[in-house]
Amino acid sequence: MTSSTQTISPLRQRMIDDMRMRKLCDKTQSAYIRAVRQFTAYLGRPPDTATIEELRCYQLHLVDHGISPISLNAAITGLKFFFDVTLGDSERMAKMQPVRVPRTLPVVLSREEVARLIAASGNLKHQTALSVAYGTGLRASEVVALKVGDIDSGRMTLRVEQGKGRKDRYAMLSPVLLERLRVWWRVARSQGKMLDGGWLFPGLNPVEPLSTRQLNRAIKTAAEAAHIDKRVSMHTLRHSFATHLLEQKVDIRVIQVLLGHKKLETTALYTQVATDILREVISPLERLQPA
């Protein structure tokens, strides 16, 4: 009789325990394990036997195969945890260096495009979820993690529990969004799709929340239906939320708090895509006197 469970090596188990001790989130743990597993496949033997030069050659191998800077840095971070923490040997990572990630401007929708996108969404649940994403600036993972009890109509806020960086915060709740949420709640309750105190956006099984993958698939379908040619994702609504607030003259430090950004420099990126603000600036060429 063969076991259906995969045997975990003592070395991998030690790495898993090290990550658990530091309470790394599941997504981070999976990424670190994947980085070590891929390096092991390249090396052809246990990863703890790798040399400094072999690690250096692995980075060259990844670069030569066209890996993106973000993916390369993720691989280096996972391997660094393995060698620095699990093996206690930071010297072996001496030749592996993270690379600079080019900063690109985010894709931003106009207000008219956002309205078309939400209207083109296939059903009320998706329409409401997209309205939440745009109306609050929440990340997709934060939208699907909302529960009915997170709505505070008295204070007009949405409670975001353990968002990115494992931090709680409050998001704004506008009257229009509150009314859309109430409509969705009444419909979902009447159809038996929402449990008492359950997920605000339940999946097919009400016990489980809607997944971020399902939400991203829904927004791409809506973008096609709305004939929006831009590269649209759930994060596009977050970018659009921040940019439109900036164009409305909302203080950038307030936007920083609403987005849950740790650094103001991250929020400041939106000043480069706020076209309404750019249009208000008078070029010095306009001030030149005729020669």
C-alpha atoms as a PDB file:
ATOM      1  CA  MET A   1       0.000   0.000   0.000  1.00  0.00           C
ATOM      2  CA  THR A   2       1.456   3.369  -1.023  1.00  0.00           C
ATOM      3  CA  SER A   3       1.044   6.530   0.977  1.00  0.00           C
ATOM      4  CA  SER A   4      -0.911   9.347  -0.691  1.00  0.00           C
ATOM      5  CA  THR A   5       0.973  11.990   1.235  1.00  0.00           C
ATOM      6  CA  GLN A   6       4.286  13.320  -0.005  1.00  0.00           C
ATOM      7  CA  THR A   7       7.238  12.794   2.297  1.00  0.00           C
ATOM      8  CA  ILE A   8       8.849  16.049   3.395  1.00  0.00           C
ATOM      9  CA  SER A   9      12.613  16.003   3.841  1.00  0.00           C
ATOM     10  CA  PRO A  10      14.019  17.054   7.239  1.00  0.00           C
ATOM     11  CA  LEU A  11      15.692  20.035   5.550  1.00  0.00           C
ATOM     12  CA  ARG A  12      12.451  21.303   4.026  1.00  0.00           C
ATOM     13  CA  GLN A  13      10.619  20.716   7.285  1.00  0.00           C
ATOM     14  CA  ARG A  14      13.225  22.781   9.107  1.00  0.00           C
ATOM     15  CA  MET A  15      12.749  25.612   6.610  1.00  0.00           C
ATOM     16  CA  ILE A  16       8.962  25.396   7.049  1.00  0.00           C
ATOM     17  CA  ASP A  17       9.397  25.528  10.826  1.00  0.00           C
ATOM     18  CA  ASP A  18      11.713  28.553  10.484  1.00  0.00           C
ATOM     19  CA  MET A  19       9.059  30.356   8.447  1.00  0.00           C
ATOM     20  CA  ARG A  20       6.316  29.403  10.888  1.00  0.00           C
ATOM     21  CA  MET A  21       8.403  30.691  13.794  1.00  0.00           C
ATOM     22  CA  ARG A  22       8.541  34.074  12.061  1.00  0.00           C
ATOM     23  CA  LYS A  23       4.822  33.870  11.229  1.00  0.00           C
ATOM     24  CA  LEU A  24       5.375  34.455   7.530  1.00  0.00           C
ATOM     25  CA  CYS A  25       2.110  34.429   5.597  1.00  0.00           C
ATOM     26  CA  ASP A  26       1.158  31.350   3.554  1.00  0.00           C
ATOM     27  CA  LYS A  27       1.806  33.131   0.254  1.00  0.00           C
ATOM     28  CA  THR A  28       5.345  34.067   1.313  1.00  0.00           C
ATOM     29  CA  GLN A  29       6.052  30.562   2.580  1.00  0.00           C
ATOM     30  CA  SER A  30       4.917  29.050  -0.719  1.00  0.00           C
ATOM     31  CA  ALA A  31       7.094  31.493  -2.682  1.00  0.00           C
ATOM     32  CA  TYR A  32      10.189  30.687  -0.596  1.00  0.00           C
ATOM     33  CA  ILE A  33       9.662  26.931  -0.897  1.00  0.00           C
ATOM     34  CA  ARG A  34       9.149  27.285  -4.644  1.00  0.00           C
ATOM     35  CA  ALA A  35      12.394  29.263  -4.988  1.00  0.00           C
ATOM     36  CA  VAL A  36      14.392  26.545  -3.222  1.00  0.00           C
ATOM     37  CA  ARG A  37      12.645  23.755  -5.123  1.00  0.00           C
ATOM     38  CA  GLN A  38      13.452  25.353  -8.487  1.00  0.00           C
ATOM     39  CA  PHE A  39      17.078  25.875  -7.503  1.00  0.00           C
ATOM     40  CA  THR A  40      17.296  22.234  -6.396  1.00  0.00           C
ATOM     41  CA  ALA A  41      16.007  21.092  -9.790  1.00  0.00           C
ATOM     42  CA  TYR A  42      18.669  23.236 -11.486  1.00  0.00           C
ATOM     43  CA  LEU A  43      21.421  21.978  -9.184  1.00  0.00           C
ATOM     44  CA  GLY A  44      20.473  18.301  -9.424  1.00  0.00           C
ATOM     45  CA  ARG A  45      21.318  17.548  -5.800  1.00  0.00           C
ATOM     46  CA  PRO A  46      20.343  18.779  -2.287  1.00  0.00           C
ATOM     47  CA  PRO A  47      20.424  22.602  -2.108  1.00  0.00           C
ATOM     48  CA  ASP A  48      22.490  22.690   1.090  1.00  0.00           C
ATOM     49  CA  THR A  49      25.463  21.322  -0.917  1.00  0.00           C
ATOM     50  CA  ALA A  50      25.555  24.324  -3.292  1.00  0.00           C
ATOM     51  CA  THR A  51      28.650  26.481  -3.491  1.00  0.00           C
ATOM     52  CA  ILE A  52      28.937  30.272  -3.789  1.00  0.00           C
ATOM     53  CA  GLU A  53      29.900  29.918  -7.449  1.00  0.00           C
ATOM     54  CA  GLU A  54      26.970  27.596  -8.223  1.00  0.00           C
ATOM     55  CA  LEU A  55      24.567  30.131  -6.740  1.00  0.00           C
ATOM     56  CA  ARG A  56      26.155  32.853  -8.843  1.00  0.00           C
ATOM     57  CA  CYS A  57      25.803  30.687 -11.957  1.00  0.00           C
ATOM     58  CA  TYR A  58      22.143  30.086 -11.083  1.00  0.00           C
ATOM     59  CA  GLN A  59      21.436  33.812 -11.142  1.00  0.00           C
ATOM     60  CA  LEU A  60      23.127  34.034 -14.547  1.00  0.00           C
ATOM     61  CA  HIS A  61      21.012  31.063 -15.680  1.00  0.00           C
ATOM     62  CA  LEU A  62      17.801  32.846 -14.635  1.00  0.00           C
ATOM     63  CA  VAL A  63      18.850  36.078 -16.340  1.00  0.00           C
ATOM     64  CA  ASP A  64      19.779  34.267 -19.557  1.00  0.00           C
ATOM     65  CA  HIS A  65      16.359  32.614 -19.620  1.00  0.00           C
ATOM     66  CA  GLY A  66      14.578  35.968 -19.547  1.00  0.00           C
ATOM     67  CA  ILE A  67      13.262  36.029 -15.996  1.00  0.00           C
ATOM     68  CA  SER A  68      11.700  39.362 -14.992  1.00  0.00           C
ATOM     69  CA  PRO A  69      13.447  41.536 -12.375  1.00  0.00           C
ATOM     70  CA  ILE A  70      10.560  40.998  -9.927  1.00  0.00           C
ATOM     71  CA  SER A  71      10.692  37.205 -10.295  1.00  0.00           C
ATOM     72  CA  LEU A  72      14.487  37.224 -10.046  1.00  0.00           C
ATOM     73  CA  ASN A  73      14.422  39.193  -6.806  1.00  0.00           C
ATOM     74  CA  ALA A  74      11.730  36.871  -5.442  1.00  0.00           C
ATOM     75  CA  ALA A  75      13.939  33.847  -6.166  1.00  0.00           C
ATOM     76  CA  ILE A  76      16.910  35.518  -4.474  1.00  0.00           C
ATOM     77  CA  THR A  77      14.824  36.417  -1.422  1.00  0.00           C
ATOM     78  CA  GLY A  78      13.619  32.817  -1.011  1.00  0.00           C
ATOM     79  CA  LEU A  79      17.134  31.409  -1.347  1.00  0.00           C
ATOM     80  CA  LYS A  80      18.489  34.033   1.028  1.00  0.00           C
ATOM     81  CA  PHE A  81      16.035  32.909   3.694  1.00  0.00           C
ATOM     82  CA  PHE A  82      17.051  29.277   3.169  1.00  0.00           C
ATOM     83  CA  PHE A  83      20.798  29.886   3.403  1.00  0.00           C
ATOM     84  CA  ASP A  84      20.796  32.723   5.954  1.00  0.00           C
ATOM     85  CA  VAL A  85      18.156  31.418   8.347  1.00  0.00           C
ATOM     86  CA  THR A  86      17.668  27.684   7.846  1.00  0.00           C
ATOM     87  CA  LEU A  87      21.327  26.856   7.210  1.00  0.00           C
ATOM     88  CA  GLY A  88      22.814  29.787   9.134  1.00  0.00           C
ATOM     89  CA  ASP A  89      25.293  30.359   6.323  1.00  0.00           C
ATOM     90  CA  SER A  90      24.905  33.867   4.864  1.00  0.00           C
ATOM     91  CA  GLU A  91      28.308  33.740   3.157  1.00  0.00           C
ATOM     92  CA  ARG A  92      27.075  31.494   0.367  1.00  0.00           C
ATOM     93  CA  MET A  93      24.689  34.175  -0.909  1.00  0.00           C
ATOM     94  CA  ALA A  94      27.533  36.686  -1.280  1.00  0.00           C
ATOM     95  CA  LYS A  95      27.526  36.559  -5.098  1.00  0.00           C
ATOM     96  CA  MET A  96      23.744  36.710  -5.540  1.00  0.00           C
ATOM     97  CA  GLN A  97      22.530  40.291  -5.693  1.00  0.00           C
ATOM     98  CA  PRO A  98      19.009  41.659  -6.229  1.00  0.00           C
ATOM     99  CA  VAL A  99      18.490  43.802  -9.308  1.00  0.00           C
ATOM    100  CA  ARG A 100      16.810  47.157  -9.736  1.00  0.00           C
ATOM    101  CA  VAL A 101      13.176  46.874 -10.782  1.00  0.00           C
ATOM    102  CA  PRO A 102      12.213  49.446 -13.442  1.00  0.00           C
ATOM    103  CA  ARG A 103       9.417  51.694 -12.209  1.00  0.00           C
ATOM    104  CA  THR A 104       6.510  51.802 -14.626  1.00  0.00           C
ATOM    105  CA  LEU A 105       3.499  54.083 -14.479  1.00  0.00           C
ATOM    106  CA  PRO A 106       0.247  52.369 -13.496  1.00  0.00           C
ATOM    107  CA  VAL A 107      -2.656  51.973 -15.893  1.00  0.00           C
ATOM    108  CA  VAL A 108      -5.465  54.351 -14.898  1.00  0.00           C
ATOM    109  CA  LEU A 109      -9.031  54.392 -16.181  1.00  0.00           C
ATOM    110  CA  SER A 110     -11.038  57.533 -16.710  1.00  0.00           C
ATOM    111  CA  ARG A 111     -14.187  57.987 -14.638  1.00  0.00           C
ATOM    112  CA  GLU A 112     -16.285  57.209 -17.695  1.00  0.00           C
ATOM    113  CA  GLU A 113     -14.341  53.981 -18.292  1.00  0.00           C
ATOM    114  CA  VAL A 114     -14.809  52.920 -14.656  1.00  0.00           C
ATOM    115  CA  ALA A 115     -18.570  53.468 -14.957  1.00  0.00           C
ATOM    116  CA  ARG A 116     -18.692  51.404 -18.169  1.00  0.00           C
ATOM    117  CA  LEU A 117     -16.576  48.668 -16.629  1.00  0.00           C
ATOM    118  CA  ILE A 118     -18.780  48.249 -13.560  1.00  0.00           C
ATOM    119  CA  ALA A 119     -21.977  48.382 -15.626  1.00  0.00           C
ATOM    120  CA  ALA A 120     -20.615  45.707 -17.986  1.00  0.00           C
ATOM    121  CA  SER A 121     -19.918  43.270 -15.152  1.00  0.00           C
ATOM    122  CA  GLY A 122     -21.853  40.035 -15.468  1.00  0.00           C
ATOM    123  CA  ASN A 123     -23.812  39.934 -12.227  1.00  0.00           C
ATOM    124  CA  LEU A 124     -24.704  41.966  -9.150  1.00  0.00           C
ATOM    125  CA  LYS A 125     -22.074  40.341  -6.926  1.00  0.00           C
ATOM    126  CA  HIS A 126     -19.251  41.226  -9.300  1.00  0.00           C
ATOM    127  CA  GLN A 127     -20.654  44.703  -9.917  1.00  0.00           C
ATOM    128  CA  THR A 128     -20.731  45.365  -6.187  1.00  0.00           C
ATOM    129  CA  ALA A 129     -17.253  43.930  -5.606  1.00  0.00           C
ATOM    130  CA  LEU A 130     -15.820  46.147  -8.370  1.00  0.00           C
ATOM    131  CA  SER A 131     -17.658  49.118  -6.869  1.00  0.00           C
ATOM    132  CA  VAL A 132     -16.003  48.385  -3.521  1.00  0.00           C
ATOM    133  CA  ALA A 133     -12.566  48.141  -5.142  1.00  0.00           C
ATOM    134  CA  TYR A 134     -12.943  51.474  -6.927  1.00  0.00           C
ATOM    135  CA  GLY A 135     -14.875  53.239  -4.168  1.00  0.00           C
ATOM    136  CA  THR A 136     -12.399  52.350  -1.411  1.00  0.00           C
ATOM    137  CA  GLY A 137      -9.079  51.611  -3.139  1.00  0.00           C
ATOM    138  CA  LEU A 138      -8.877  48.190  -1.514  1.00  0.00           C
ATOM    139  CA  ARG A 139      -6.699  45.458  -2.978  1.00  0.00           C
ATOM    140  CA  ALA A 140      -8.447  42.416  -4.473  1.00  0.00           C
ATOM    141  CA  SER A 141      -7.340  40.278  -1.513  1.00  0.00           C
ATOM    142  CA  GLU A 142      -8.842  42.843   0.863  1.00  0.00           C
ATOM    143  CA  VAL A 143     -12.137  43.013  -1.035  1.00  0.00           C
ATOM    144  CA  VAL A 144     -12.747  39.252  -0.923  1.00  0.00           C
ATOM    145  CA  ALA A 145     -11.776  39.119   2.776  1.00  0.00           C
ATOM    146  CA  LEU A 146     -14.543  41.534   3.804  1.00  0.00           C
ATOM    147  CA  LYS A 147     -17.343  40.260   6.016  1.00  0.00           C
ATOM    148  CA  VAL A 148     -20.805  41.711   6.524  1.00  0.00           C
ATOM    149  CA  GLY A 149     -19.818  42.823  10.023  1.00  0.00           C
ATOM    150  CA  ASP A 150     -17.007  44.965   8.607  1.00  0.00           C
ATOM    151  CA  ILE A 151     -19.544  47.504   7.334  1.00  0.00           C
ATOM    152  CA  ASP A 152     -20.056  50.346   9.798  1.00  0.00           C
ATOM    153  CA  SER A 153     -22.850  52.506   8.389  1.00  0.00           C
ATOM    154  CA  GLY A 154     -22.828  54.696  11.514  1.00  0.00           C
ATOM    155  CA  ARG A 155     -19.228  55.815  11.017  1.00  0.00           C
ATOM    156  CA  MET A 156     -19.374  55.274   7.233  1.00  0.00           C
ATOM    157  CA  THR A 157     -16.301  53.066   7.215  1.00  0.00           C
ATOM    158  CA  LEU A 158     -15.247  49.595   6.140  1.00  0.00           C
ATOM    159  CA  ARG A 159     -12.982  47.701   8.514  1.00  0.00           C
ATOM    160  CA  VAL A 160     -10.063  46.031   6.749  1.00  0.00           C
ATOM    161  CA  GLU A 161      -8.673  43.272   8.935  1.00  0.00           C
ATOM    162  CA  GLN A 162      -5.070  42.208   8.431  1.00  0.00           C
ATOM    163  CA  GLY A 163      -4.517  43.830   5.059  1.00  0.00           C
ATOM    164  CA  LYS A 164      -1.128  43.864   3.371  1.00  0.00           C
ATOM    165  CA  GLY A 165       1.623  43.871   5.978  1.00  0.00           C
ATOM    166  CA  ARG A 166      -0.826  42.300   8.458  1.00  0.00           C
ATOM    167  CA  LYS A 167      -2.220  45.663   9.436  1.00  0.00           C
ATOM    168  CA  ASP A 168      -5.789  46.627  10.285  1.00  0.00           C
ATOM    169  CA  ARG A 169      -7.146  49.875   8.908  1.00  0.00           C
ATOM    170  CA  TYR A 170     -10.385  51.600   7.968  1.00  0.00           C
ATOM    171  CA  ALA A 171     -11.501  52.391   4.434  1.00  0.00           C
ATOM    172  CA  MET A 172     -13.925  55.107   3.425  1.00  0.00           C
ATOM    173  CA  LEU A 173     -17.564  54.179   2.804  1.00  0.00           C
ATOM    174  CA  SER A 174     -19.482  56.615   0.600  1.00  0.00           C
ATOM    175  CA  PRO A 175     -23.301  56.859   0.617  1.00  0.00           C
ATOM    176  CA  VAL A 176     -23.482  55.535  -2.964  1.00  0.00           C
ATOM    177  CA  LEU A 177     -21.338  52.520  -2.083  1.00  0.00           C
ATOM    178  CA  LEU A 178     -23.352  51.865   1.075  1.00  0.00           C
ATOM    179  CA  GLU A 179     -26.570  51.785  -0.956  1.00  0.00           C
ATOM    180  CA  ARG A 180     -25.018  49.367  -3.473  1.00  0.00           C
ATOM    181  CA  LEU A 181     -23.898  47.125  -0.628  1.00  0.00           C
ATOM    182  CA  ARG A 182     -27.401  47.161   0.865  1.00  0.00           C
ATOM    183  CA  VAL A 183     -28.939  46.176  -2.475  1.00  0.00           C
ATOM    184  CA  TRP A 184     -26.432  43.326  -2.830  1.00  0.00           C
ATOM    185  CA  TRP A 185     -27.060  42.199   0.776  1.00  0.00           C
ATOM    186  CA  ARG A 186     -30.847  42.063   0.277  1.00  0.00           C
ATOM    187  CA  VAL A 187     -30.549  40.095  -2.975  1.00  0.00           C
ATOM    188  CA  ALA A 188     -27.907  37.689  -1.646  1.00  0.00           C
ATOM    189  CA  ARG A 189     -29.881  37.047   1.568  1.00  0.00           C
ATOM    190  CA  SER A 190     -33.119  36.420  -0.323  1.00  0.00           C
ATOM    191  CA  GLN A 191     -31.309  33.867  -2.509  1.00  0.00           C
ATOM    192  CA  GLY A 192     -29.630  32.183   0.465  1.00  0.00           C
ATOM    193  CA  LYS A 193     -26.158  33.075  -0.808  1.00  0.00           C
ATOM    194  CA  MET A 194     -24.998  34.995   2.253  1.00  0.00           C
ATOM    195  CA  LEU A 195     -24.661  33.581   5.763  1.00  0.00           C
ATOM    196  CA  ASP A 196     -25.227  35.459   9.010  1.00  0.00           C
ATOM    197  CA  GLY A 197     -21.996  37.287   9.777  1.00  0.00           C
ATOM    198  CA  GLY A 198     -20.451  35.616   6.746  1.00  0.00           C
ATOM    199  CA  TRP A 199     -18.430  36.780   3.782  1.00  0.00           C
ATOM    200  CA  LEU A 200     -19.613  39.923   2.050  1.00  0.00           C
ATOM    201  CA  PHE A 201     -18.784  38.284  -1.283  1.00  0.00           C
ATOM    202  CA  PRO A 202     -19.187  34.525  -0.809  1.00  0.00           C
ATOM    203  CA  GLY A 203     -18.086  31.982  -3.373  1.00  0.00           C
ATOM    204  CA  LEU A 204     -20.286  29.245  -4.844  1.00  0.00           C
ATOM    205  CA  ASN A 205     -20.116  27.664  -1.406  1.00  0.00           C
ATOM    206  CA  PRO A 206     -21.189  30.462   1.002  1.00  0.00           C
ATOM    207  CA  VAL A 207     -18.778  29.118   3.612  1.00  0.00           C
ATOM    208  CA  GLU A 208     -15.867  30.169   1.387  1.00  0.00           C
ATOM    209  CA  PRO A 209     -15.191  33.700   0.084  1.00  0.00           C
ATOM    210  CA  LEU A 210     -14.977  34.648  -3.561  1.00  0.00           C
ATOM    211  CA  SER A 211     -11.388  34.083  -4.696  1.00  0.00           C
ATOM    212  CA  THR A 212      -9.119  36.807  -6.081  1.00  0.00           C
ATOM    213  CA  ARG A 213      -8.695  34.682  -9.203  1.00  0.00           C
ATOM    214  CA  GLN A 214     -12.459  34.689  -9.801  1.00  0.00           C
ATOM    215  CA  LEU A 215     -12.570  38.448  -9.249  1.00  0.00           C
ATOM    216  CA  ASN A 216      -9.703  39.105 -11.661  1.00  0.00           C
ATOM    217  CA  ARG A 217     -11.366  36.892 -14.236  1.00  0.00           C
ATOM    218  CA  ALA A 218     -14.614  38.845 -13.783  1.00  0.00           C
ATOM    219  CA  ILE A 219     -12.956  42.232 -14.317  1.00  0.00           C
ATOM    220  CA  LYS A 220     -11.174  41.089 -17.471  1.00  0.00           C
ATOM    221  CA  THR A 221     -14.482  39.816 -18.868  1.00  0.00           C
ATOM    222  CA  ALA A 222     -16.136  43.121 -17.955  1.00  0.00           C
ATOM    223  CA  ALA A 223     -13.325  45.112 -19.612  1.00  0.00           C
ATOM    224  CA  GLU A 224     -13.833  43.165 -22.840  1.00  0.00           C
ATOM    225  CA  ALA A 225     -17.596  43.697 -22.697  1.00  0.00           C
ATOM    226  CA  ALA A 226     -17.069  47.420 -22.077  1.00  0.00           C
ATOM    227  CA  HIS A 227     -14.623  47.615 -25.033  1.00  0.00           C
ATOM    228  CA  ILE A 228     -11.807  48.956 -22.861  1.00  0.00           C
ATOM    229  CA  ASP A 229      -8.501  48.363 -24.637  1.00  0.00           C
ATOM    230  CA  LYS A 230      -6.258  49.139 -21.664  1.00  0.00           C
ATOM    231  CA  ARG A 231      -4.594  46.361 -19.666  1.00  0.00           C
ATOM    232  CA  VAL A 232      -7.099  46.060 -16.818  1.00  0.00           C
ATOM    233  CA  SER A 233      -6.819  44.186 -13.527  1.00  0.00           C
ATOM    234  CA  MET A 234      -8.296  44.607 -10.058  1.00  0.00           C
ATOM    235  CA  HIS A 235      -5.296  46.736  -9.142  1.00  0.00           C
ATOM    236  CA  THR A 236      -6.257  49.115 -11.955  1.00  0.00           C
ATOM    237  CA  LEU A 237      -9.298  50.153  -9.908  1.00  0.00           C
ATOM    238  CA  ARG A 238      -7.034  50.881  -6.929  1.00  0.00           C
ATOM    239  CA  HIS A 239      -4.770  53.002  -9.134  1.00  0.00           C
ATOM    240  CA  SER A 240      -7.795  54.814 -10.544  1.00  0.00           C
ATOM    241  CA  PHE A 241      -9.202  55.461  -7.059  1.00  0.00           C
ATOM    242  CA  ALA A 242      -5.958  57.121  -5.918  1.00  0.00           C
ATOM    243  CA  THR A 243      -5.489  59.123  -9.103  1.00  0.00           C
ATOM    244  CA  HIS A 244      -9.053  60.436  -9.152  1.00  0.00           C
ATOM    245  CA  LEU A 245      -8.817  61.477  -5.483  1.00  0.00           C
ATOM    246  CA  LEU A 246      -5.611  63.355  -6.252  1.00  0.00           C
ATOM    247  CA  GLU A 247      -7.326  65.106  -9.152  1.00  0.00           C
ATOM    248  CA  GLN A 248     -10.104  66.072  -6.728  1.00  0.00           C
ATOM    249  CA  LYS A 249      -7.447  67.895  -4.657  1.00  0.00           C
ATOM    250  CA  VAL A 250      -7.534  65.398  -1.773  1.00  0.00           C
ATOM    251  CA  ASP A 251      -4.346  65.722   0.303  1.00  0.00           C
ATOM    252  CA  ILE A 252      -1.809  63.122  -0.752  1.00  0.00           C
ATOM    253  CA  ARG A 253      -1.190  62.172   2.902  1.00  0.00           C
ATOM    254  CA  VAL A 254      -4.879  61.325   3.276  1.00  0.00           C
ATOM    255  CA  ILE A 255      -4.675  59.157   0.149  1.00  0.00           C
ATOM    256  CA  GLN A 256      -1.615  57.447   1.637  1.00  0.00           C
ATOM    257  CA  VAL A 257      -3.644  56.478   4.729  1.00  0.00           C
ATOM    258  CA  LEU A 258      -6.610  55.280   2.653  1.00  0.00           C
ATOM    259  CA  LEU A 259      -4.355  53.076   0.531  1.00  0.00           C
ATOM    260  CA  GLY A 260      -2.465  51.733   3.539  1.00  0.00           C
ATOM    261  CA  HIS A 261       0.906  52.765   2.100  1.00  0.00           C
ATOM    262  CA  LYS A 262       3.848  52.731   4.470  1.00  0.00           C
ATOM    263  CA  LYS A 263       5.822  55.321   2.513  1.00  0.00           C
ATOM    264  CA  LEU A 264       4.593  58.598   1.044  1.00  0.00           C
ATOM    265  CA  GLU A 265       6.900  58.089  -1.948  1.00  0.00           C
ATOM    266  CA  THR A 266       4.757  55.131  -3.022  1.00  0.00           C
ATOM    267  CA  THR A 267       1.615  57.272  -3.060  1.00  0.00           C
ATOM    268  CA  ALA A 268       3.451  60.134  -4.772  1.00  0.00           C
ATOM    269  CA  LEU A 269       3.700  58.003  -7.931  1.00  0.00           C
ATOM    270  CA  TYR A 270       0.106  58.959  -8.712  1.00  0.00           C
ATOM    271  CA  THR A 271       1.080  62.595  -9.225  1.00  0.00           C
ATOM    272  CA  GLN A 272       2.667  61.441 -12.486  1.00  0.00           C
ATOM    273  CA  VAL A 273      -0.597  60.025 -13.861  1.00  0.00           C
ATOM    274  CA  ALA A 274      -3.071  62.615 -12.553  1.00  0.00           C
ATOM    275  CA  THR A 275      -3.719  64.218 -15.942  1.00  0.00           C
ATOM    276  CA  ASP A 276      -6.304  66.700 -14.641  1.00  0.00           C
ATOM    277  CA  ILE A 277      -3.578  68.245 -12.498  1.00  0.00           C
ATOM    278  CA  LEU A 278      -1.151  68.330 -15.432  1.00  0.00           C
ATOM    279  CA  ARG A 279      -3.712  70.152 -17.560  1.00  0.00           C
ATOM    280  CA  GLU A 280      -3.994  72.880 -14.930  1.00  0.00           C
ATOM    281  CA  VAL A 281      -0.281  73.674 -15.095  1.00  0.00           C
ATOM    282  CA  ILE A 282       0.577  76.540 -17.424  1.00  0.00           C
ATOM    283  CA  SER A 283       3.646  75.852 -19.538  1.00  0.00           C
ATOM    284  CA  PRO A 284       6.383  78.519 -19.354  1.00  0.00           C
ATOM    285  CA  LEU A 285       6.158  78.621 -23.162  1.00  0.00           C
ATOM    286  CA  GLU A 286       2.783  80.346 -22.767  1.00  0.00           C
ATOM    287  CA  ARG A 287       4.435  83.157 -20.807  1.00  0.00           C
ATOM    288  CA  LEU A 288       7.022  84.028 -23.444  1.00  0.00           C
ATOM    289  CA  GLN A 289       6.707  87.414 -25.032  1.00  0.00           C
ATOM    290  CA  PRO A 290       6.945  87.566 -28.830  1.00  0.00           C
ATOM    291  CA  ALA A 291      10.483  88.408 -29.951  1.00  0.00           C
END
